[in-house]
Amino acid sequence: MSAAGPSQINGDIPSIRVFGMNCWGLKYIAKHREARLNEVSLRIACASPSFDIVALQEFWVYADYENLRAKTSSILPYGKFYFSGAIGGGLVILSKWPIEQSSMFRYPLNGRPTAFWRGDWYVGKGVACAAVRHPSGKTIEVFNTHLHAPYEKNDSYLCHRTAQAWEIAKLLRGAVQKGHIAIGLGDFNMIPPSLAHRIISTHGLVSDAWLSANPTTPSIAPPKTDAKTNIEVLGATCDSVLNTWRMNTPTLPPPETEDPKGKRLDYIFHAPRYSSVQDIKVGMTEPVSMPSQKGGKGGAGGYCSLSDHFSVEVTLSLAPNRQQQRALAEARNPDLVSNSTLSSVAGAVRAEEAQITNQVGEREYEQYLPPTIIDEILELVAKYTKREKFEYNWRLSHFWGSLVALVGLHVGVWWSPHNGVSFALMFVAWVVAVTGGLDGLIGFLFMGSELRALREFEEELKMYRRLASEAYGAGSSGPDVLGSKTALVTSGTAEGAFHSSNSAVEVRIDVYESV
């Protein structure tokens, strides 16, 4: 009789309950902040079955965190409020078990200081990391994040969000390669068919927990989808008409109301090598009583939603489920993958299973993004870098030109015979000095560091592309399953070309996860 493995307790495979939510808790701006976050804290504390790991975003105020700890310490005795940037990153992790290590990784590319009304650059967005020791002996690495939002229709922040997805994917990948149970969760500000999702789910060696449990979930909501279907079937967490902060009617509409804007922006990713999904749902959908809320945006009739996002709640088994991942891989390419391709995918599954079983301790099978996807990212970086270099040169030209103008204006003041003219010249000189100085600071400090971060991102991608090309096999005519073990297809081909608009709503045909 064999002894129980490290992932077992008394012969049973353990499971953990994980909770993630964007709480919209910005001080002075978020309406009913204290009452809403207090209710979130109470619902977490009273959840049955209780949560083992909780990760929150936009939990900005430390007093709210202290209240959260007071409400939940009996079931989640360990916690960390992460400090970052000028006003904090708004990230919190709570755990049932001891947090052995924690760190805050700040994203190198994270918005612009000139967009001060958006605040992303000032809060110092990044990844809150925590290493938790599970009673089974396994280490659980939790990565909590909040990626940059699009804000604009043409999404000029796409390059930053893509780079952030790359950074958290590297952290997840490193945790999986160490043999740890990796969990990445948060508000990713991306939809399932996006480039960022592709990067995380492939390069991060992780799977989207919603797709693991519901492999046939459409990437894009079908037309005329109602709000209830969006939440229960598609996993929509944001912009739902059933959220009082997003609704455009005086009161909440019925669940069968058409919901064209509802989307899934919040995710929990897990490592399929070491875990599988037992259950997942969108939670915290019930409004809270708020007598002072009489109408308008936020709710009516004395109630409001807990946040402008709903939560994601998942139960993970700390053991792999190869059938679950195989079902996911096959579901993402209905009627488009040939029998030979499916056979190759199945063969890759069996090979990986044998390798994990027979080569414990050796380096496991790697996964890589297809070179076509890497080229798409490089093209995006090159386009954005060109734009930023133009702005960098313009700001520095303004700075040096303002120095010349200041000299001329002061000479004019010196030779001016009229006090009124001298005052006007001094005022203009003051404006030139302030605007030129600001552009100089932005150009030298921010844009200089941004361009170097873009260069670093580009160099990493180029090195990674060489490895991916080797994994896929240069000039191979076989199915495109090596490396990422994903079937990338268009009609009639085994290796598909990916076409996207480099926008927040880009669409491609693919298999998201590895098998």
Protein backbone atom coordinates (compact mmCIF):
# COMPACT_ATOMS: atom_id res chain seq x y z
CA MET A 1 0.00 0.00 0.00
CA SER A 2 1.47 3.36 -1.05
CA ALA A 3 1.73 6.24 1.33
CA ALA A 4 -0.34 9.36 0.81
CA GLY A 5 1.33 11.96 -1.37
CA PRO A 6 2.14 15.50 -0.25
CA SER A 7 -1.14 16.79 -1.66
CA GLN A 8 -3.19 14.46 0.55
CA ILE A 9 -4.39 14.69 4.13
CA ASN A 10 -5.32 11.34 5.70
CA GLY A 11 -5.72 9.93 2.20
CA ASP A 12 -8.17 12.64 1.07
CA ILE A 13 -7.47 15.22 -1.61
CA PRO A 14 -8.00 18.64 0.01
CA SER A 15 -9.88 21.52 -1.54
CA ILE A 16 -9.77 25.26 -0.91
CA ARG A 17 -12.33 28.03 -1.32
CA VAL A 18 -11.07 31.19 -3.03
CA PHE A 19 -12.81 34.57 -3.25
CA GLY A 20 -11.91 37.60 -5.37
CA MET A 21 -13.65 40.98 -5.75
CA ASN A 22 -13.08 44.55 -6.86
CA CYS A 23 -14.68 46.52 -4.01
CA TRP A 24 -14.59 50.10 -5.38
CA GLY A 25 -13.39 51.63 -2.15
CA LEU A 26 -11.75 54.90 -3.18
CA LYS A 27 -11.83 57.44 -0.35
CA TYR A 28 -14.02 60.55 -0.86
CA ILE A 29 -15.12 59.39 -4.32
CA ALA A 30 -16.79 55.99 -3.91
CA LYS A 31 -20.36 56.53 -2.72
CA HIS A 32 -21.47 54.71 0.46
CA ARG A 33 -17.92 53.29 0.75
CA GLU A 34 -17.89 52.52 4.45
CA ALA A 35 -21.34 50.92 4.53
CA ARG A 36 -20.72 48.86 1.40
CA LEU A 37 -17.30 47.56 2.46
CA ASN A 38 -18.63 46.78 5.91
CA GLU A 39 -21.31 44.63 4.28
CA VAL A 40 -18.68 42.94 2.08
CA SER A 41 -16.71 42.14 5.24
CA LEU A 42 -19.79 40.71 6.96
CA ARG A 43 -20.73 38.54 3.99
CA ILE A 44 -17.19 37.15 3.76
CA ALA A 45 -17.27 36.38 7.49
CA CYS A 46 -20.66 34.67 7.26
CA ALA A 47 -20.05 32.70 4.06
CA SER A 48 -20.89 29.00 4.28
CA PRO A 49 -18.78 27.12 3.53
CA SER A 50 -16.18 29.65 4.59
CA PHE A 51 -13.46 30.99 2.33
CA ASP A 52 -9.84 29.95 2.77
CA ILE A 53 -8.20 32.65 0.63
CA VAL A 54 -9.63 36.11 -0.11
CA ALA A 55 -8.15 38.65 -2.52
CA LEU A 56 -9.64 42.14 -2.84
CA GLN A 57 -8.96 45.04 -5.20
CA GLU A 58 -9.69 48.75 -4.79
CA PHE A 59 -9.63 48.34 -1.02
CA TRP A 60 -7.80 51.62 -0.63
CA VAL A 61 -8.48 52.81 2.91
CA TYR A 62 -6.58 51.21 5.80
CA ALA A 63 -9.45 51.84 8.22
CA ASP A 64 -11.67 49.70 5.98
CA TYR A 65 -9.01 46.99 6.08
CA GLU A 66 -8.93 47.10 9.89
CA ASN A 67 -12.70 46.70 9.93
CA LEU A 68 -12.41 43.80 7.49
CA ARG A 69 -9.85 42.10 9.74
CA ALA A 70 -12.02 42.60 12.80
CA LYS A 71 -14.99 40.99 11.04
CA THR A 72 -13.13 38.05 9.48
CA SER A 73 -10.22 37.24 11.83
CA SER A 74 -12.01 34.23 13.31
CA ILE A 75 -12.02 32.42 9.96
CA LEU A 76 -9.19 34.26 8.16
CA PRO A 77 -6.65 35.02 10.89
CA TYR A 78 -3.84 36.02 8.51
CA GLY A 79 -3.92 39.05 6.27
CA LYS A 80 -1.86 41.65 4.44
CA PHE A 81 -2.68 45.17 3.26
CA TYR A 82 -0.25 46.05 0.47
CA PHE A 83 1.31 49.50 0.33
CA SER A 84 2.31 50.88 -3.06
CA GLY A 85 2.54 54.15 -4.94
CA ALA A 86 1.52 57.55 -3.63
CA ILE A 87 -1.92 56.52 -2.34
CA GLY A 88 -1.64 52.72 -2.20
CA GLY A 89 -2.37 49.90 -4.61
CA GLY A 90 -5.71 48.94 -3.06
CA LEU A 91 -4.78 45.24 -2.80
CA VAL A 92 -5.55 42.94 0.13
CA ILE A 93 -4.97 39.20 0.72
CA LEU A 94 -6.51 37.23 3.58
CA SER A 95 -5.75 33.61 4.42
CA LYS A 96 -6.91 30.82 6.69
CA TRP A 97 -3.30 29.62 6.95
CA PRO A 98 -0.07 31.48 7.74
CA ILE A 99 1.34 33.80 5.11
CA GLU A 100 5.02 32.84 5.09
CA GLN A 101 6.20 35.43 2.57
CA SER A 102 4.69 38.49 0.93
CA SER A 103 5.87 41.11 -1.53
CA MET A 104 4.49 43.86 -3.74
CA PHE A 105 5.67 43.78 -7.36
CA ARG A 106 5.05 47.06 -9.16
CA TYR A 107 4.40 47.05 -12.87
CA PRO A 108 7.14 48.81 -14.92
CA LEU A 109 4.47 50.08 -17.33
CA ASN A 110 1.48 51.51 -15.50
CA GLY A 111 -0.30 54.47 -17.04
CA ARG A 112 0.86 58.05 -17.39
CA PRO A 113 1.28 60.80 -14.76
CA THR A 114 -0.35 63.26 -17.15
CA ALA A 115 -3.64 61.32 -16.82
CA PHE A 116 -3.85 62.29 -13.15
CA TRP A 117 -7.66 62.08 -13.10
CA ARG A 118 -7.39 58.33 -13.77
CA GLY A 119 -4.85 57.71 -11.05
CA ASP A 120 -3.30 54.44 -12.28
CA TRP A 121 0.26 55.79 -12.28
CA TYR A 122 -0.11 57.34 -8.83
CA VAL A 123 -1.49 54.26 -7.07
CA GLY A 124 1.47 52.17 -8.19
CA LYS A 125 -0.47 49.23 -9.57
CA GLY A 126 1.18 45.85 -9.42
CA VAL A 127 0.88 42.32 -8.07
CA ALA A 128 0.35 41.56 -4.39
CA CYS A 129 2.14 38.26 -3.75
CA ALA A 130 1.67 35.91 -0.81
CA ALA A 131 3.10 32.45 -0.13
CA VAL A 132 0.76 30.39 2.04
CA ARG A 133 1.69 27.07 3.64
CA HIS A 134 -1.20 24.62 3.29
CA PRO A 135 -1.63 21.91 5.97
CA SER A 136 -0.92 19.29 3.29
CA GLY A 137 2.62 20.62 3.05
CA LYS A 138 2.08 22.29 -0.31
CA THR A 139 2.90 25.96 -0.85
CA ILE A 140 0.10 28.07 -2.33
CA GLU A 141 1.32 31.19 -4.12
CA VAL A 142 -1.39 33.84 -4.42
CA PHE A 143 -1.05 36.69 -6.94
CA ASN A 144 -3.64 39.46 -6.59
CA THR A 145 -3.71 42.24 -9.18
CA HIS A 146 -5.68 44.99 -10.89
CA LEU A 147 -4.64 45.68 -14.49
CA HIS A 148 -4.89 49.03 -16.23
CA ALA A 149 -8.38 49.83 -17.54
CA PRO A 150 -8.98 50.73 -21.23
CA TYR A 151 -10.81 54.05 -20.48
CA GLU A 152 -10.90 54.99 -24.17
CA LYS A 153 -12.63 53.48 -27.19
CA ASN A 154 -9.37 53.10 -29.11
CA ASP A 155 -7.59 51.96 -25.89
CA SER A 156 -4.21 53.72 -25.95
CA TYR A 157 -3.35 51.77 -22.77
CA LEU A 158 -3.48 48.37 -24.48
CA CYS A 159 0.32 48.12 -24.60
CA HIS A 160 0.60 48.81 -20.86
CA ARG A 161 -2.09 46.25 -20.02
CA THR A 162 -0.45 43.68 -22.28
CA ALA A 163 2.91 44.27 -20.56
CA GLN A 164 1.21 43.91 -17.17
CA ALA A 165 -0.33 40.62 -18.28
CA TRP A 166 3.17 39.49 -19.29
CA GLU A 167 4.58 40.40 -15.88
CA ILE A 168 1.96 38.54 -13.85
CA ALA A 169 2.22 35.60 -16.26
CA LYS A 170 5.96 35.40 -15.47
CA LEU A 171 5.20 35.31 -11.76
CA LEU A 172 2.60 32.59 -12.23
CA ARG A 173 4.92 30.60 -14.48
CA GLY A 174 7.72 30.77 -11.95
CA ALA A 175 5.44 29.52 -9.17
CA VAL A 176 4.19 26.59 -11.29
CA GLN A 177 7.72 25.64 -12.31
CA LYS A 178 8.67 25.50 -8.63
CA GLY A 179 5.90 22.95 -8.09
CA HIS A 180 3.72 25.36 -6.12
CA ILE A 181 -0.06 25.73 -6.35
CA ALA A 182 -0.35 29.04 -8.22
CA ILE A 183 -3.51 31.15 -8.01
CA GLY A 184 -3.80 34.41 -9.93
CA LEU A 185 -6.88 36.51 -9.38
CA GLY A 186 -8.19 40.03 -9.57
CA ASP A 187 -9.73 42.62 -11.86
CA PHE A 188 -7.85 42.05 -15.12
CA ASN A 189 -9.86 44.55 -17.19
CA MET A 190 -9.85 42.11 -20.11
CA ILE A 191 -12.40 39.90 -21.83
CA PRO A 192 -11.80 36.20 -22.59
CA PRO A 193 -10.74 36.56 -26.25
CA SER A 194 -8.20 39.31 -25.51
CA LEU A 195 -4.47 39.23 -26.02
CA ALA A 196 -3.85 39.67 -22.27
CA HIS A 197 -5.97 36.60 -21.49
CA ARG A 198 -4.02 34.61 -24.04
CA ILE A 199 -0.70 35.64 -22.52
CA ILE A 200 -1.69 34.75 -18.96
CA SER A 201 -3.37 31.44 -19.73
CA THR A 202 -0.52 30.18 -21.91
CA HIS A 203 2.71 31.82 -20.72
CA GLY A 204 1.56 31.68 -17.09
CA LEU A 205 1.00 27.88 -17.29
CA VAL A 206 -2.44 28.44 -15.79
CA SER A 207 -6.07 27.98 -16.79
CA ASP A 208 -9.04 30.32 -16.50
CA ALA A 209 -11.05 28.67 -13.71
CA TRP A 210 -14.39 29.62 -15.30
CA LEU A 211 -13.42 27.89 -18.56
CA SER A 212 -12.04 24.89 -16.69
CA ALA A 213 -15.45 24.38 -15.10
CA ASN A 214 -17.50 25.54 -18.11
CA PRO A 215 -15.43 24.74 -21.21
CA THR A 216 -18.22 25.50 -23.68
CA THR A 217 -18.68 29.08 -22.46
CA PRO A 218 -18.81 31.40 -25.52
CA SER A 219 -15.97 33.91 -25.73
CA ILE A 220 -18.38 36.68 -26.68
CA ALA A 221 -21.94 36.97 -25.37
CA PRO A 222 -24.48 36.08 -28.06
CA PRO A 223 -26.86 38.85 -29.15
CA LYS A 224 -29.92 39.47 -26.99
CA THR A 225 -28.36 37.71 -23.97
CA ASP A 226 -30.24 38.46 -20.76
CA ALA A 227 -28.62 39.55 -17.50
CA LYS A 228 -29.22 36.28 -15.67
CA THR A 229 -27.55 34.25 -18.45
CA ASN A 230 -24.66 36.70 -18.56
CA ILE A 231 -23.98 36.14 -14.86
CA GLU A 232 -24.75 32.44 -14.42
CA VAL A 233 -23.57 31.07 -17.78
CA LEU A 234 -21.02 33.57 -19.10
CA GLY A 235 -19.61 34.67 -15.73
CA ALA A 236 -20.18 38.42 -16.24
CA THR A 237 -18.87 40.42 -13.29
CA CYS A 238 -19.07 44.01 -14.54
CA ASP A 239 -21.40 46.41 -16.36
CA SER A 240 -24.42 44.23 -15.65
CA VAL A 241 -27.85 45.88 -15.72
CA LEU A 242 -28.43 44.08 -12.41
CA ASN A 243 -25.73 46.20 -10.77
CA THR A 244 -27.18 49.42 -9.39
CA TRP A 245 -24.02 51.38 -10.24
CA ARG A 246 -24.38 50.47 -13.92
CA MET A 247 -28.12 50.38 -14.45
CA ASN A 248 -29.81 53.03 -16.58
CA THR A 249 -33.28 52.69 -15.04
CA PRO A 250 -34.75 54.09 -11.78
CA THR A 251 -34.87 50.62 -10.23
CA LEU A 252 -33.27 47.26 -10.88
CA PRO A 253 -34.81 45.54 -13.91
CA PRO A 254 -35.88 41.86 -13.88
CA PRO A 255 -33.13 39.24 -14.46
CA GLU A 256 -34.53 38.47 -17.93
CA THR A 257 -33.69 41.99 -19.13
CA GLU A 258 -31.38 42.17 -22.14
CA ASP A 259 -27.82 42.92 -20.97
CA PRO A 260 -25.68 44.05 -23.95
CA LYS A 261 -22.82 45.51 -21.89
CA GLY A 262 -22.33 42.84 -19.23
CA LYS A 263 -18.86 41.34 -19.43
CA ARG A 264 -16.37 39.19 -17.54
CA LEU A 265 -13.45 41.32 -16.30
CA ASP A 266 -12.66 39.50 -13.03
CA TYR A 267 -10.89 36.14 -13.06
CA ILE A 268 -9.36 33.39 -10.99
CA PHE A 269 -6.57 31.47 -12.72
CA HIS A 270 -5.29 28.15 -11.39
CA ALA A 271 -2.42 25.83 -12.29
CA PRO A 272 -3.95 22.71 -13.90
CA ARG A 273 -0.79 20.71 -13.18
CA TYR A 274 -1.57 20.81 -9.47
CA SER A 275 -5.23 21.82 -9.12
CA SER A 276 -8.66 21.53 -10.72
CA VAL A 277 -11.99 23.33 -10.41
CA GLN A 278 -14.80 21.76 -8.42
CA ASP A 279 -17.18 24.71 -8.52
CA ILE A 280 -17.21 28.36 -9.56
CA LYS A 281 -19.80 31.13 -9.55
CA VAL A 282 -20.32 34.88 -9.66
CA GLY A 283 -21.27 36.12 -6.19
CA MET A 284 -22.12 39.23 -4.19
CA THR A 285 -24.94 40.05 -6.61
CA GLU A 286 -27.56 40.85 -3.97
CA PRO A 287 -27.88 44.57 -3.19
CA VAL A 288 -27.49 45.87 0.34
CA SER A 289 -30.05 47.99 2.17
CA MET A 290 -29.11 51.65 1.90
CA PRO A 291 -31.95 53.89 3.20
CA SER A 292 -30.16 57.06 2.12
CA GLN A 293 -30.07 55.89 -1.51
CA LYS A 294 -33.28 57.35 -2.89
CA GLY A 295 -32.58 57.28 -6.61
CA GLY A 296 -30.22 58.10 -9.43
CA LYS A 297 -26.95 56.32 -10.18
CA GLY A 298 -26.19 53.76 -7.52
CA GLY A 299 -29.68 52.51 -6.87
CA ALA A 300 -33.14 53.41 -5.76
CA GLY A 301 -35.73 52.30 -3.27
CA GLY A 302 -33.24 52.26 -0.41
CA TYR A 303 -30.68 49.74 -1.69
CA CYS A 304 -27.51 49.56 -3.78
CA SER A 305 -25.03 46.98 -5.06
CA LEU A 306 -21.97 46.21 -2.94
CA SER A 307 -19.61 47.41 -5.69
CA ASP A 308 -19.58 48.16 -9.39
CA HIS A 309 -18.17 44.62 -9.80
CA PHE A 310 -19.50 41.28 -8.63
CA SER A 311 -17.23 38.70 -6.97
CA VAL A 312 -15.77 35.45 -8.31
CA GLU A 313 -15.89 32.44 -5.97
CA VAL A 314 -14.22 29.12 -6.74
CA THR A 315 -13.58 25.80 -5.02
CA LEU A 316 -10.28 24.26 -6.10
CA SER A 317 -9.22 20.66 -5.60
CA LEU A 318 -5.47 20.46 -4.91
CA ALA A 319 -5.00 17.74 -7.50
CA PRO A 320 -4.95 17.85 -11.32
CA ASN A 321 -7.85 16.70 -13.47
CA ARG A 322 -6.57 15.82 -16.93
CA GLN A 323 -10.05 15.07 -18.25
CA GLN A 324 -11.16 18.57 -17.27
CA GLN A 325 -8.35 20.20 -19.20
CA ARG A 326 -8.78 17.88 -22.18
CA ALA A 327 -12.48 18.79 -22.32
CA LEU A 328 -11.54 22.46 -22.23
CA ALA A 329 -9.01 22.13 -25.06
CA GLU A 330 -11.48 20.29 -27.27
CA ALA A 331 -14.36 22.67 -26.48
CA ARG A 332 -12.45 25.75 -27.60
CA ASN A 333 -12.24 24.54 -31.21
CA PRO A 334 -15.65 23.03 -32.09
CA ASP A 335 -15.70 21.43 -35.58
CA LEU A 336 -12.48 23.17 -36.56
CA VAL A 337 -9.78 20.80 -35.43
CA SER A 338 -9.12 17.77 -37.59
CA ASN A 339 -9.03 14.25 -36.19
CA SER A 340 -5.28 14.17 -36.62
CA THR A 341 -4.93 17.36 -34.63
CA LEU A 342 -7.13 16.02 -31.83
CA SER A 343 -5.08 12.85 -31.83
CA SER A 344 -1.93 14.92 -31.45
CA VAL A 345 -3.51 16.89 -28.60
CA ALA A 346 -4.51 13.66 -26.88
CA GLY A 347 -1.00 12.32 -27.44
CA ALA A 348 0.47 15.43 -25.85
CA VAL A 349 -1.83 14.88 -22.86
CA ARG A 350 -0.68 11.30 -22.43
CA ALA A 351 2.94 12.31 -22.85
CA GLU A 352 2.61 15.01 -20.21
CA GLU A 353 0.85 12.63 -17.83
CA ALA A 354 3.61 10.07 -18.26
CA GLN A 355 6.28 12.72 -17.80
CA ILE A 356 4.74 14.08 -14.61
CA THR A 357 4.33 10.55 -13.29
CA ASN A 358 7.72 9.12 -14.27
CA GLN A 359 10.04 12.12 -14.19
CA VAL A 360 9.27 13.70 -10.84
CA GLY A 361 11.82 16.36 -10.03
CA GLU A 362 12.84 16.90 -13.66
CA ARG A 363 11.92 19.95 -15.68
CA GLU A 364 8.33 19.59 -16.85
CA TYR A 365 6.99 20.12 -20.33
CA GLU A 366 7.09 23.79 -21.23
CA GLN A 367 4.39 25.87 -22.87
CA TYR A 368 4.95 28.81 -25.18
CA LEU A 369 2.85 31.34 -26.98
CA PRO A 370 2.80 30.75 -30.75
CA PRO A 371 5.33 32.88 -32.66
CA THR A 372 2.43 34.54 -34.51
CA ILE A 373 1.06 35.84 -31.21
CA ILE A 374 4.50 37.01 -30.08
CA ASP A 375 4.88 38.88 -33.38
CA GLU A 376 1.52 40.52 -32.74
CA ILE A 377 2.70 41.70 -29.33
CA LEU A 378 5.98 42.97 -30.80
CA GLU A 379 4.04 44.90 -33.42
CA LEU A 380 1.89 46.43 -30.69
CA VAL A 381 5.00 47.42 -28.69
CA ALA A 382 6.69 48.92 -31.76
CA LYS A 383 3.61 50.98 -32.62
CA TYR A 384 3.22 52.29 -29.09
CA THR A 385 6.96 52.98 -28.74
CA LYS A 386 6.90 55.09 -31.92
CA ARG A 387 4.09 57.17 -30.46
CA GLU A 388 5.87 57.63 -27.12
CA LYS A 389 9.18 58.54 -28.76
CA PHE A 390 7.43 61.30 -30.65
CA GLU A 391 5.91 62.63 -27.43
CA TYR A 392 9.26 62.25 -25.63
CA ASN A 393 11.06 64.32 -28.27
CA TRP A 394 8.27 66.91 -28.31
CA ARG A 395 8.36 67.40 -24.54
CA LEU A 396 12.14 67.71 -24.43
CA SER A 397 12.09 70.13 -27.36
CA HIS A 398 9.56 72.21 -25.43
CA PHE A 399 11.81 72.10 -22.36
CA TRP A 400 14.95 73.27 -24.19
CA GLY A 401 12.95 75.81 -26.18
CA SER A 402 11.47 77.20 -22.97
CA LEU A 403 15.00 77.85 -21.64
CA VAL A 404 15.80 79.92 -24.71
CA ALA A 405 12.46 81.73 -24.42
CA LEU A 406 13.08 82.50 -20.74
CA VAL A 407 16.38 84.16 -21.56
CA GLY A 408 14.69 86.27 -24.23
CA LEU A 409 11.83 87.24 -21.95
CA HIS A 410 14.16 88.32 -19.15
CA VAL A 411 16.17 90.41 -21.59
CA GLY A 412 12.89 92.00 -22.68
CA VAL A 413 11.99 92.79 -19.06
CA TRP A 414 15.40 94.37 -18.55
CA TRP A 415 15.03 96.67 -21.58
CA SER A 416 11.30 97.38 -21.32
CA PRO A 417 10.55 101.06 -20.60
CA HIS A 418 7.04 100.36 -19.27
CA ASN A 419 6.09 98.62 -16.03
CA GLY A 420 2.97 97.11 -17.61
CA VAL A 421 5.02 95.51 -20.38
CA SER A 422 7.56 94.22 -17.86
CA PHE A 423 4.79 92.64 -15.79
CA ALA A 424 3.28 90.97 -18.86
CA LEU A 425 6.68 89.63 -19.90
CA MET A 426 7.31 88.28 -16.38
CA PHE A 427 3.91 86.58 -16.37
CA VAL A 428 4.61 84.96 -19.72
CA ALA A 429 8.06 83.94 -18.44
CA TRP A 430 6.42 82.30 -15.41
CA VAL A 431 4.02 80.33 -17.65
CA VAL A 432 6.88 79.28 -19.93
CA ALA A 433 9.01 78.21 -16.94
CA VAL A 434 6.24 76.11 -15.36
CA THR A 435 5.07 74.39 -18.56
CA GLY A 436 8.59 73.87 -19.86
CA GLY A 437 9.77 72.57 -16.48
CA LEU A 438 6.86 70.12 -16.24
CA ASP A 439 7.48 68.84 -19.75
CA GLY A 440 11.15 68.47 -18.92
CA LEU A 441 10.40 66.46 -15.79
CA ILE A 442 7.84 64.29 -17.60
CA GLY A 443 10.15 63.77 -20.55
CA PHE A 444 13.35 63.05 -18.63
CA LEU A 445 11.89 61.08 -15.72
CA PHE A 446 8.63 59.42 -16.74
CA MET A 447 8.94 59.02 -20.49
CA GLY A 448 12.59 58.09 -20.27
CA SER A 449 11.80 55.29 -17.84
CA GLU A 450 8.74 54.25 -19.89
CA LEU A 451 10.79 53.93 -23.07
CA ARG A 452 13.38 51.84 -21.24
CA ALA A 453 10.63 49.61 -19.83
CA LEU A 454 9.24 49.19 -23.34
CA ARG A 455 12.72 48.29 -24.59
CA GLU A 456 13.08 45.72 -21.81
CA PHE A 457 9.67 44.24 -22.65
CA GLU A 458 10.65 44.04 -26.31
CA GLU A 459 13.97 42.33 -25.55
CA GLU A 460 12.27 39.76 -23.32
CA LEU A 461 9.76 38.99 -26.06
CA LYS A 462 12.49 38.52 -28.65
CA MET A 463 14.38 36.08 -26.44
CA TYR A 464 11.14 34.29 -25.67
CA ARG A 465 10.29 34.09 -29.37
CA ARG A 466 13.49 32.17 -30.08
CA LEU A 467 12.54 29.60 -27.46
CA ALA A 468 8.96 29.42 -28.77
CA SER A 469 10.20 28.91 -32.35
CA GLU A 470 12.39 26.03 -31.20
CA ALA A 471 9.49 24.50 -29.25
CA TYR A 472 7.13 24.72 -32.21
CA GLY A 473 9.76 23.49 -34.63
CA ALA A 474 11.00 25.74 -37.40
CA GLY A 475 9.24 24.92 -40.65
CA SER A 476 7.26 22.06 -39.12
CA SER A 477 4.27 21.02 -41.16
CA GLY A 478 2.69 19.08 -38.30
CA PRO A 479 -0.11 20.25 -36.04
CA ASP A 480 0.66 23.26 -33.92
CA VAL A 481 0.48 21.55 -30.54
CA LEU A 482 4.10 21.53 -29.42
CA GLY A 483 5.09 23.94 -26.71
CA SER A 484 1.73 25.46 -25.85
CA LYS A 485 -0.17 22.25 -26.58
CA THR A 486 -2.99 24.35 -28.01
CA ALA A 487 -4.64 23.88 -31.37
CA LEU A 488 -4.65 27.23 -33.17
CA VAL A 489 -6.86 26.98 -36.17
CA THR A 490 -8.73 28.67 -38.92
CA SER A 491 -10.87 26.75 -41.36
CA GLY A 492 -8.88 23.95 -42.94
CA THR A 493 -5.51 24.68 -41.32
CA ALA A 494 -3.76 23.31 -38.30
CA GLU A 495 -1.81 26.47 -37.54
CA GLY A 496 -4.12 29.44 -37.76
CA ALA A 497 -3.37 33.06 -38.39
CA PHE A 498 -4.63 35.30 -35.61
CA HIS A 499 -6.35 38.48 -36.60
CA SER A 500 -7.19 41.14 -34.05
CA SER A 501 -7.78 44.83 -33.92
CA ASN A 502 -5.39 45.30 -30.98
CA SER A 503 -8.32 46.58 -29.00
CA ALA A 504 -10.25 45.67 -25.91
CA VAL A 505 -12.68 43.69 -28.05
CA GLU A 506 -10.28 41.78 -30.25
CA VAL A 507 -11.53 38.35 -31.30
CA ARG A 508 -9.65 35.26 -32.43
CA ILE A 509 -10.37 31.57 -32.86
CA ASP A 510 -8.27 29.57 -30.47
CA VAL A 511 -8.03 27.05 -27.67
CA TYR A 512 -7.32 29.06 -24.56
CA GLU A 513 -5.81 26.55 -22.23
CA SER A 514 -3.30 23.77 -22.30
CA VAL A 515 -4.39 20.19 -21.89
